[in-house]
Amino acid sequence: MDILAVMRQRTSVRSYADRPVDLTLLERLLAFSTAAEHLTEVPPRVALVSGVERTRRLLTYMVGSYGLVQNPPHLLVGVLPKESDLARLDLGYVLEQVVLEATRLELSTCWITGSYDAEQAGDAVGLAPGEVAAAVCALGYPTDSSLGRIHTRVVRRLAGGHQRKPLTEIVFAGRWGEPWSPDEADSTLVDALEHARLAPSASNRQPWRFIVLVRPDDVVLALARPKPIDAGIVMAHLALASAVLERAGRWKVRWGDVTLARECGLPDDVIPVATFS
């Protein structure tokens, strides 16, 4: 299955079967995370916690409906080398690549960035001085029980996971707020942006926006809410999709760049993130 099909197929699974993932696949995912493309000189690392009892302890602060995850046999733990917005951006970029690879291996996942015990997660994987456990991701196989499947569907619907904004709401032409039409754009760019649009985000709010420049033919990423991990996730989607569509490029991180913000006419509360060319 190619990466475009993986992006279209992947959904967040919140109820898991009592079935551990084969050790060979787990080792393969951890090796993949080490080799994954990254955005910073010192990339984040991905560690593993296994066993339902251990994962439950890490998820004890998950209350309410959104994000509630039942009985994952494994958790991928995203560890920052140190706390910073750029480190969180890179974590989203790296860990989403791992999530998509897990999907390709027919495993299920669910991002968890807020409702978990970061201290216990850090203790479980062993942090070096300065490191931070900044996100976890459930990993396993979906439950076969009818109640579990209903739970996943209900929580997904409550979280808006079945919805995505159309491209015309998240893509601008040249400057912030300028209408962009997919009918007038390069078809491979439209296809790449469509697959970026499928990227998961906290509460599925899609806080990122793209500005398509005419000269040079770059794409600017801006963030309407301060969620660097979300930005990293969507950056991974656009880079991977573009490569498959033979429109390969590279991201240049320009987090908070005042010049870029001015050139793109960004509102004061919108953060410039990066350019893709």
C-alpha atoms as a PDB file:
ATOM      1  CA  MET A   1       0.000   0.000   0.000  1.00  0.00           C
ATOM      2  CA  ASP A   2       1.499   3.349  -1.012  1.00  0.00           C
ATOM      3  CA  ILE A   3       1.618   6.317   1.334  1.00  0.00           C
ATOM      4  CA  LEU A   4      -1.338   8.084  -0.296  1.00  0.00           C
ATOM      5  CA  ALA A   5      -3.576   5.074   0.323  1.00  0.00           C
ATOM      6  CA  VAL A   6      -2.258   4.887   3.892  1.00  0.00           C
ATOM      7  CA  MET A   7      -3.215   8.527   4.526  1.00  0.00           C
ATOM      8  CA  ARG A   8      -6.695   7.939   3.163  1.00  0.00           C
ATOM      9  CA  GLN A   9      -7.165   4.770   5.193  1.00  0.00           C
ATOM     10  CA  ARG A  10      -5.830   5.792   8.583  1.00  0.00           C
ATOM     11  CA  THR A  11      -8.289   6.694  11.370  1.00  0.00           C
ATOM     12  CA  SER A  12      -7.857   7.024  15.124  1.00  0.00           C
ATOM     13  CA  VAL A  13      -8.781   3.824  16.957  1.00  0.00           C
ATOM     14  CA  ARG A  14      -9.767   4.167  20.613  1.00  0.00           C
ATOM     15  CA  SER A  15     -10.668   0.590  21.598  1.00  0.00           C
ATOM     16  CA  TYR A  16      -8.034  -2.134  21.329  1.00  0.00           C
ATOM     17  CA  ALA A  17      -8.023  -5.914  21.252  1.00  0.00           C
ATOM     18  CA  ASP A  18      -6.271  -7.944  23.955  1.00  0.00           C
ATOM     19  CA  ARG A  19      -3.535  -8.882  21.507  1.00  0.00           C
ATOM     20  CA  PRO A  20       0.050  -7.619  21.635  1.00  0.00           C
ATOM     21  CA  VAL A  21       1.907  -6.658  18.500  1.00  0.00           C
ATOM     22  CA  ASP A  22       4.624  -9.050  17.398  1.00  0.00           C
ATOM     23  CA  LEU A  23       8.046  -8.032  18.705  1.00  0.00           C
ATOM     24  CA  THR A  24       9.480  -8.028  15.193  1.00  0.00           C
ATOM     25  CA  LEU A  25       6.988  -5.367  14.088  1.00  0.00           C
ATOM     26  CA  LEU A  26       7.643  -3.256  17.180  1.00  0.00           C
ATOM     27  CA  GLU A  27      11.380  -3.360  16.578  1.00  0.00           C
ATOM     28  CA  ARG A  28      10.773  -2.468  12.952  1.00  0.00           C
ATOM     29  CA  LEU A  29       8.764   0.611  13.951  1.00  0.00           C
ATOM     30  CA  LEU A  30      11.387   1.789  16.429  1.00  0.00           C
ATOM     31  CA  ALA A  31      14.113   1.354  13.811  1.00  0.00           C
ATOM     32  CA  PHE A  32      11.940   3.266  11.346  1.00  0.00           C
ATOM     33  CA  SER A  33      11.571   6.136  13.848  1.00  0.00           C
ATOM     34  CA  THR A  34      15.347   6.392  14.209  1.00  0.00           C
ATOM     35  CA  ALA A  35      15.823   6.607  10.441  1.00  0.00           C
ATOM     36  CA  ALA A  36      12.860   8.936   9.781  1.00  0.00           C
ATOM     37  CA  GLU A  37      13.462  12.327   8.197  1.00  0.00           C
ATOM     38  CA  HIS A  38      13.548  15.113  10.780  1.00  0.00           C
ATOM     39  CA  LEU A  39      13.551  18.909  10.927  1.00  0.00           C
ATOM     40  CA  THR A  40      16.069  19.774  13.648  1.00  0.00           C
ATOM     41  CA  GLU A  41      19.708  18.924  14.317  1.00  0.00           C
ATOM     42  CA  VAL A  42      18.839  16.900  17.420  1.00  0.00           C
ATOM     43  CA  PRO A  43      15.631  15.033  16.561  1.00  0.00           C
ATOM     44  CA  PRO A  44      13.130  13.601  19.030  1.00  0.00           C
ATOM     45  CA  ARG A  45      13.207   9.923  19.841  1.00  0.00           C
ATOM     46  CA  VAL A  46      10.369   7.437  19.986  1.00  0.00           C
ATOM     47  CA  ALA A  47      10.239   4.962  22.862  1.00  0.00           C
ATOM     48  CA  LEU A  48       7.851   2.113  23.646  1.00  0.00           C
ATOM     49  CA  VAL A  49       5.739   1.104  26.632  1.00  0.00           C
ATOM     50  CA  SER A  50       4.093  -2.323  26.462  1.00  0.00           C
ATOM     51  CA  GLY A  51       1.465  -4.101  28.536  1.00  0.00           C
ATOM     52  CA  VAL A  52      -2.117  -3.031  29.171  1.00  0.00           C
ATOM     53  CA  GLU A  53      -1.573  -2.503  32.893  1.00  0.00           C
ATOM     54  CA  ARG A  54       1.372  -0.197  32.228  1.00  0.00           C
ATOM     55  CA  THR A  55      -0.401   1.764  29.489  1.00  0.00           C
ATOM     56  CA  ARG A  56      -3.489   2.196  31.686  1.00  0.00           C
ATOM     57  CA  ARG A  57      -1.376   3.833  34.378  1.00  0.00           C
ATOM     58  CA  LEU A  58      -0.069   6.339  31.863  1.00  0.00           C
ATOM     59  CA  LEU A  59      -3.598   7.110  30.642  1.00  0.00           C
ATOM     60  CA  THR A  60      -5.271   7.513  34.038  1.00  0.00           C
ATOM     61  CA  TYR A  61      -5.843  11.237  33.471  1.00  0.00           C
ATOM     62  CA  MET A  62      -7.946  10.651  30.365  1.00  0.00           C
ATOM     63  CA  VAL A  63     -11.422  11.730  31.390  1.00  0.00           C
ATOM     64  CA  GLY A  64     -14.489  12.675  29.406  1.00  0.00           C
ATOM     65  CA  SER A  65     -15.293  11.406  25.946  1.00  0.00           C
ATOM     66  CA  TYR A  66     -12.779  12.925  23.539  1.00  0.00           C
ATOM     67  CA  GLY A  67      -9.539  10.997  23.378  1.00  0.00           C
ATOM     68  CA  LEU A  68     -10.650   8.216  25.706  1.00  0.00           C
ATOM     69  CA  VAL A  69      -8.597   5.171  24.716  1.00  0.00           C
ATOM     70  CA  GLN A  70      -9.405   1.687  25.957  1.00  0.00           C
ATOM     71  CA  ASN A  71      -6.796  -1.010  26.637  1.00  0.00           C
ATOM     72  CA  PRO A  72      -4.011  -0.235  24.168  1.00  0.00           C
ATOM     73  CA  PRO A  73      -1.357  -2.974  24.465  1.00  0.00           C
ATOM     74  CA  HIS A  74       1.399  -0.506  23.528  1.00  0.00           C
ATOM     75  CA  LEU A  75       2.153   3.194  23.649  1.00  0.00           C
ATOM     76  CA  LEU A  76       4.665   4.976  21.471  1.00  0.00           C
ATOM     77  CA  VAL A  77       6.150   7.781  23.572  1.00  0.00           C
ATOM     78  CA  GLY A  78       7.510  10.839  21.790  1.00  0.00           C
ATOM     79  CA  VAL A  79      10.490  12.240  23.683  1.00  0.00           C
ATOM     80  CA  LEU A  80      11.919  15.724  23.100  1.00  0.00           C
ATOM     81  CA  PRO A  81      15.656  16.296  23.610  1.00  0.00           C
ATOM     82  CA  LYS A  82      14.587  19.493  25.388  1.00  0.00           C
ATOM     83  CA  GLU A  83      11.433  21.577  25.637  1.00  0.00           C
ATOM     84  CA  SER A  84      10.927  24.024  22.774  1.00  0.00           C
ATOM     85  CA  ASP A  85       8.414  24.808  20.042  1.00  0.00           C
ATOM     86  CA  LEU A  86      10.839  23.573  17.387  1.00  0.00           C
ATOM     87  CA  ALA A  87      11.355  20.288  19.233  1.00  0.00           C
ATOM     88  CA  ARG A  88       7.585  19.796  19.379  1.00  0.00           C
ATOM     89  CA  LEU A  89       7.302  20.636  15.686  1.00  0.00           C
ATOM     90  CA  ASP A  90       9.885  17.954  14.913  1.00  0.00           C
ATOM     91  CA  LEU A  91       8.137  15.459  17.174  1.00  0.00           C
ATOM     92  CA  GLY A  92       4.918  15.824  15.170  1.00  0.00           C
ATOM     93  CA  TYR A  93       6.902  15.414  11.951  1.00  0.00           C
ATOM     94  CA  VAL A  94       8.762  12.270  13.063  1.00  0.00           C
ATOM     95  CA  LEU A  95       6.045  10.496  15.017  1.00  0.00           C
ATOM     96  CA  GLU A  96       3.433  10.958  12.274  1.00  0.00           C
ATOM     97  CA  GLN A  97       5.783   9.192   9.880  1.00  0.00           C
ATOM     98  CA  VAL A  98       5.871   6.315  12.371  1.00  0.00           C
ATOM     99  CA  VAL A  99       2.069   6.383  12.681  1.00  0.00           C
ATOM    100  CA  LEU A 100       1.682   6.123   8.910  1.00  0.00           C
ATOM    101  CA  GLU A 101       4.200   3.276   8.765  1.00  0.00           C
ATOM    102  CA  ALA A 102       2.242   1.494  11.501  1.00  0.00           C
ATOM    103  CA  THR A 103      -0.907   1.895   9.408  1.00  0.00           C
ATOM    104  CA  ARG A 104       0.905   0.417   6.419  1.00  0.00           C
ATOM    105  CA  LEU A 105       1.752  -2.570   8.642  1.00  0.00           C
ATOM    106  CA  GLU A 106      -1.994  -2.920   9.397  1.00  0.00           C
ATOM    107  CA  LEU A 107      -1.678  -1.634  12.963  1.00  0.00           C
ATOM    108  CA  SER A 108      -4.035   0.889  14.568  1.00  0.00           C
ATOM    109  CA  THR A 109      -3.033   4.081  16.341  1.00  0.00           C
ATOM    110  CA  CYS A 110      -4.366   7.112  18.195  1.00  0.00           C
ATOM    111  CA  TRP A 111      -2.451  10.320  18.942  1.00  0.00           C
ATOM    112  CA  ILE A 112      -2.674  11.524  22.558  1.00  0.00           C
ATOM    113  CA  THR A 113      -1.068  14.907  23.234  1.00  0.00           C
ATOM    114  CA  GLY A 114      -2.815  16.264  26.306  1.00  0.00           C
ATOM    115  CA  SER A 115      -4.617  13.692  28.446  1.00  0.00           C
ATOM    116  CA  TYR A 116      -1.863  11.481  29.772  1.00  0.00           C
ATOM    117  CA  ASP A 117       0.554  11.474  32.691  1.00  0.00           C
ATOM    118  CA  ALA A 118       3.743  12.932  31.231  1.00  0.00           C
ATOM    119  CA  GLU A 119       5.755  12.245  34.392  1.00  0.00           C
ATOM    120  CA  GLN A 120       4.821   8.572  34.450  1.00  0.00           C
ATOM    121  CA  ALA A 121       5.442   8.302  30.711  1.00  0.00           C
ATOM    122  CA  GLY A 122       8.910   9.728  31.240  1.00  0.00           C
ATOM    123  CA  ASP A 123       9.590   7.354  34.109  1.00  0.00           C
ATOM    124  CA  ALA A 124       8.411   4.404  32.001  1.00  0.00           C
ATOM    125  CA  VAL A 125      10.858   5.078  29.162  1.00  0.00           C
ATOM    126  CA  GLY A 126      13.725   6.563  31.175  1.00  0.00           C
ATOM    127  CA  LEU A 127      14.474  10.197  30.377  1.00  0.00           C
ATOM    128  CA  ALA A 128      17.926  11.694  30.101  1.00  0.00           C
ATOM    129  CA  PRO A 129      18.470  15.114  31.751  1.00  0.00           C
ATOM    130  CA  GLY A 130      16.468  17.747  29.874  1.00  0.00           C
ATOM    131  CA  GLU A 131      14.303  15.284  27.949  1.00  0.00           C
ATOM    132  CA  VAL A 132      10.506  15.646  27.962  1.00  0.00           C
ATOM    133  CA  ALA A 133       7.802  13.069  27.204  1.00  0.00           C
ATOM    134  CA  ALA A 134       5.662  15.339  25.019  1.00  0.00           C
ATOM    135  CA  ALA A 135       3.108  12.973  23.443  1.00  0.00           C
ATOM    136  CA  VAL A 136       2.026   9.357  23.370  1.00  0.00           C
ATOM    137  CA  CYS A 137       0.374   7.319  20.662  1.00  0.00           C
ATOM    138  CA  ALA A 138      -1.711   4.203  21.275  1.00  0.00           C
ATOM    139  CA  LEU A 139      -0.672   1.221  19.180  1.00  0.00           C
ATOM    140  CA  GLY A 140      -2.248  -2.163  18.603  1.00  0.00           C
ATOM    141  CA  TYR A 141      -5.105  -3.927  16.846  1.00  0.00           C
ATOM    142  CA  PRO A 142      -8.722  -2.731  16.934  1.00  0.00           C
ATOM    143  CA  THR A 143     -11.075  -4.621  19.196  1.00  0.00           C
ATOM    144  CA  ASP A 144     -13.446  -7.196  17.754  1.00  0.00           C
ATOM    145  CA  SER A 145     -16.127  -6.504  20.364  1.00  0.00           C
ATOM    146  CA  SER A 146     -19.259  -4.680  19.255  1.00  0.00           C
ATOM    147  CA  LEU A 147     -19.142  -2.373  22.298  1.00  0.00           C
ATOM    148  CA  GLY A 148     -15.563  -1.440  21.554  1.00  0.00           C
ATOM    149  CA  ARG A 149     -16.330  -0.641  17.932  1.00  0.00           C
ATOM    150  CA  ILE A 150     -19.314   1.463  18.999  1.00  0.00           C
ATOM    151  CA  HIS A 151     -17.090   3.299  21.485  1.00  0.00           C
ATOM    152  CA  THR A 152     -14.574   4.169  18.762  1.00  0.00           C
ATOM    153  CA  ARG A 153     -17.308   5.375  16.379  1.00  0.00           C
ATOM    154  CA  VAL A 154     -19.074   7.476  19.005  1.00  0.00           C
ATOM    155  CA  VAL A 155     -15.899   9.135  20.285  1.00  0.00           C
ATOM    156  CA  ARG A 156     -14.722   9.730  16.728  1.00  0.00           C
ATOM    157  CA  ARG A 157     -17.993  11.443  15.862  1.00  0.00           C
ATOM    158  CA  LEU A 158     -17.969  13.541  19.048  1.00  0.00           C
ATOM    159  CA  ALA A 159     -14.416  14.584  18.266  1.00  0.00           C
ATOM    160  CA  GLY A 160     -15.288  15.522  14.702  1.00  0.00           C
ATOM    161  CA  GLY A 161     -12.836  12.940  13.399  1.00  0.00           C
ATOM    162  CA  HIS A 162     -15.063  12.203  10.420  1.00  0.00           C
ATOM    163  CA  GLN A 163     -14.910  15.825   9.266  1.00  0.00           C
ATOM    164  CA  ARG A 164     -12.238  17.830   7.479  1.00  0.00           C
ATOM    165  CA  LYS A 165     -12.369  21.410   6.247  1.00  0.00           C
ATOM    166  CA  PRO A 166     -12.359  21.781   2.445  1.00  0.00           C
ATOM    167  CA  LEU A 167      -9.179  23.024   0.809  1.00  0.00           C
ATOM    168  CA  THR A 168     -10.811  26.337  -0.033  1.00  0.00           C
ATOM    169  CA  GLU A 169     -11.020  27.100   3.713  1.00  0.00           C
ATOM    170  CA  ILE A 170      -7.426  26.230   4.578  1.00  0.00           C
ATOM    171  CA  VAL A 171      -5.496  27.324   1.482  1.00  0.00           C
ATOM    172  CA  PHE A 172      -4.908  30.936   0.410  1.00  0.00           C
ATOM    173  CA  ALA A 173      -3.394  32.404  -2.752  1.00  0.00           C
ATOM    174  CA  GLY A 174      -0.337  34.585  -2.233  1.00  0.00           C
ATOM    175  CA  ARG A 175      -1.441  36.221   1.026  1.00  0.00           C
ATOM    176  CA  TRP A 176      -3.568  35.399   4.034  1.00  0.00           C
ATOM    177  CA  GLY A 177      -7.279  35.552   3.267  1.00  0.00           C
ATOM    178  CA  GLU A 178      -6.927  35.671  -0.530  1.00  0.00           C
ATOM    179  CA  PRO A 179      -9.220  33.081  -2.184  1.00  0.00           C
ATOM    180  CA  TRP A 180      -7.505  30.082  -3.734  1.00  0.00           C
ATOM    181  CA  SER A 181      -9.124  27.857  -6.325  1.00  0.00           C
ATOM    182  CA  PRO A 182      -8.067  24.234  -6.824  1.00  0.00           C
ATOM    183  CA  ASP A 183      -9.506  24.435 -10.344  1.00  0.00           C
ATOM    184  CA  GLU A 184      -6.820  26.937 -11.316  1.00  0.00           C
ATOM    185  CA  ALA A 185      -3.899  25.259  -9.530  1.00  0.00           C
ATOM    186  CA  ASP A 186      -1.418  22.575 -10.541  1.00  0.00           C
ATOM    187  CA  SER A 187      -3.161  19.217 -10.189  1.00  0.00           C
ATOM    188  CA  THR A 188      -0.265  17.524  -8.365  1.00  0.00           C
ATOM    189  CA  LEU A 189      -0.165  20.364  -5.836  1.00  0.00           C
ATOM    190  CA  VAL A 190      -3.907  20.011  -5.284  1.00  0.00           C
ATOM    191  CA  ASP A 191      -3.507  16.268  -4.756  1.00  0.00           C
ATOM    192  CA  ALA A 192      -0.663  16.799  -2.276  1.00  0.00           C
ATOM    193  CA  LEU A 193      -2.697  19.382  -0.343  1.00  0.00           C
ATOM    194  CA  GLU A 194      -5.712  17.041  -0.314  1.00  0.00           C
ATOM    195  CA  HIS A 195      -3.603  14.412   1.441  1.00  0.00           C
ATOM    196  CA  ALA A 196      -2.173  17.002   3.822  1.00  0.00           C
ATOM    197  CA  ARG A 197      -5.766  17.968   4.633  1.00  0.00           C
ATOM    198  CA  LEU A 198      -6.298  14.434   5.993  1.00  0.00           C
ATOM    199  CA  ALA A 199      -3.679  14.907   8.714  1.00  0.00           C
ATOM    200  CA  PRO A 200      -4.924  14.456  12.298  1.00  0.00           C
ATOM    201  CA  SER A 201      -4.813  17.373  14.746  1.00  0.00           C
ATOM    202  CA  ALA A 202      -5.768  18.055  18.361  1.00  0.00           C
ATOM    203  CA  SER A 203      -9.568  17.842  18.620  1.00  0.00           C
ATOM    204  CA  ASN A 204      -9.502  17.722  14.792  1.00  0.00           C
ATOM    205  CA  ARG A 205      -9.495  21.517  14.638  1.00  0.00           C
ATOM    206  CA  GLN A 206      -7.049  21.713  11.702  1.00  0.00           C
ATOM    207  CA  PRO A 207      -5.276  24.832  12.994  1.00  0.00           C
ATOM    208  CA  TRP A 208      -2.886  25.008  10.042  1.00  0.00           C
ATOM    209  CA  ARG A 209      -3.268  27.100   6.902  1.00  0.00           C
ATOM    210  CA  PHE A 210      -1.370  27.008   3.619  1.00  0.00           C
ATOM    211  CA  ILE A 211      -0.466  29.984   1.445  1.00  0.00           C
ATOM    212  CA  VAL A 212       0.442  29.066  -2.137  1.00  0.00           C
ATOM    213  CA  LEU A 213       2.933  31.533  -3.586  1.00  0.00           C
ATOM    214  CA  VAL A 214       3.135  32.194  -7.313  1.00  0.00           C
ATOM    215  CA  ARG A 215       6.830  33.079  -7.614  1.00  0.00           C
ATOM    216  CA  PRO A 216       8.624  31.036  -6.480  1.00  0.00           C
ATOM    217  CA  ASP A 217       6.204  28.118  -6.482  1.00  0.00           C
ATOM    218  CA  ASP A 218       6.422  27.611  -2.708  1.00  0.00           C
ATOM    219  CA  VAL A 219       3.871  26.664  -0.074  1.00  0.00           C
ATOM    220  CA  VAL A 220       3.922  28.546   3.214  1.00  0.00           C
ATOM    221  CA  LEU A 221       2.560  26.890   6.338  1.00  0.00           C
ATOM    222  CA  ALA A 222       1.028  29.047   9.065  1.00  0.00           C
ATOM    223  CA  LEU A 223      -0.532  28.035  12.371  1.00  0.00           C
ATOM    224  CA  ALA A 224      -3.720  29.626  13.668  1.00  0.00           C
ATOM    225  CA  ARG A 225      -3.390  28.015  17.126  1.00  0.00           C
ATOM    226  CA  PRO A 226      -0.116  27.459  19.014  1.00  0.00           C
ATOM    227  CA  LYS A 227       0.102  23.689  18.488  1.00  0.00           C
ATOM    228  CA  PRO A 228       3.555  22.923  17.050  1.00  0.00           C
ATOM    229  CA  ILE A 229       2.955  19.164  17.087  1.00  0.00           C
ATOM    230  CA  ASP A 230      -0.076  19.624  14.827  1.00  0.00           C
ATOM    231  CA  ALA A 231       2.056  21.642  12.417  1.00  0.00           C
ATOM    232  CA  GLY A 232       4.700  18.916  12.334  1.00  0.00           C
ATOM    233  CA  ILE A 233       2.075  16.280  11.574  1.00  0.00           C
ATOM    234  CA  VAL A 234       0.684  18.138   8.564  1.00  0.00           C
ATOM    235  CA  MET A 235       4.216  18.896   7.348  1.00  0.00           C
ATOM    236  CA  ALA A 236       4.915  15.163   7.251  1.00  0.00           C
ATOM    237  CA  HIS A 237       1.790  14.567   5.177  1.00  0.00           C
ATOM    238  CA  LEU A 238       2.623  17.238   2.614  1.00  0.00           C
ATOM    239  CA  ALA A 239       6.258  16.148   2.255  1.00  0.00           C
ATOM    240  CA  LEU A 240       5.424  12.445   1.895  1.00  0.00           C
ATOM    241  CA  ALA A 241       2.520  13.028  -0.492  1.00  0.00           C
ATOM    242  CA  SER A 242       4.549  15.427  -2.631  1.00  0.00           C
ATOM    243  CA  ALA A 243       7.368  12.901  -2.980  1.00  0.00           C
ATOM    244  CA  VAL A 244       5.003  10.187  -4.213  1.00  0.00           C
ATOM    245  CA  LEU A 245       3.374  12.613  -6.635  1.00  0.00           C
ATOM    246  CA  GLU A 246       6.775  13.511  -8.101  1.00  0.00           C
ATOM    247  CA  ARG A 247       6.585  17.019  -6.725  1.00  0.00           C
ATOM    248  CA  ALA A 248       9.218  16.428  -4.086  1.00  0.00           C
ATOM    249  CA  GLY A 249      10.476  19.332  -2.020  1.00  0.00           C
ATOM    250  CA  ARG A 250      11.909  20.163   1.372  1.00  0.00           C
ATOM    251  CA  TRP A 251      10.662  22.122   4.331  1.00  0.00           C
ATOM    252  CA  LYS A 252      12.587  25.152   5.562  1.00  0.00           C
ATOM    253  CA  VAL A 253      11.539  25.890   9.124  1.00  0.00           C
ATOM    254  CA  ARG A 254      10.821  29.585   9.713  1.00  0.00           C
ATOM    255  CA  TRP A 255       9.009  29.437  13.028  1.00  0.00           C
ATOM    256  CA  GLY A 256       7.924  32.902  14.111  1.00  0.00           C
ATOM    257  CA  ASP A 257       9.742  34.592  11.200  1.00  0.00           C
ATOM    258  CA  VAL A 258       8.559  38.219  11.230  1.00  0.00           C
ATOM    259  CA  THR A 259       9.620  38.812   7.631  1.00  0.00           C
ATOM    260  CA  LEU A 260       7.652  35.817   6.366  1.00  0.00           C
ATOM    261  CA  ALA A 261       4.635  36.890   8.415  1.00  0.00           C
ATOM    262  CA  ARG A 262       4.745  40.356   6.869  1.00  0.00           C
ATOM    263  CA  GLU A 263       5.216  39.055   3.311  1.00  0.00           C
ATOM    264  CA  CYS A 264       2.192  36.757   3.683  1.00  0.00           C
ATOM    265  CA  GLY A 265       0.035  39.303   5.521  1.00  0.00           C
ATOM    266  CA  LEU A 266      -0.475  37.036   8.513  1.00  0.00           C
ATOM    267  CA  PRO A 267      -2.695  38.279  11.373  1.00  0.00           C
ATOM    268  CA  ASP A 268      -0.879  38.983  14.625  1.00  0.00           C
ATOM    269  CA  ASP A 269      -2.172  35.811  16.265  1.00  0.00           C
ATOM    270  CA  VAL A 270      -1.068  33.510  13.427  1.00  0.00           C
ATOM    271  CA  ILE A 271       2.401  31.931  13.556  1.00  0.00           C
ATOM    272  CA  PRO A 272       4.534  31.488  10.424  1.00  0.00           C
ATOM    273  CA  VAL A 273       5.939  27.960  10.510  1.00  0.00           C
ATOM    274  CA  ALA A 274       7.815  26.918   7.371  1.00  0.00           C
ATOM    275  CA  THR A 275       8.082  27.058   3.604  1.00  0.00           C
ATOM    276  CA  PHE A 276       7.992  24.018   1.315  1.00  0.00           C
ATOM    277  CA  SER A 277       9.798  24.237  -2.008  1.00  0.00           C
END
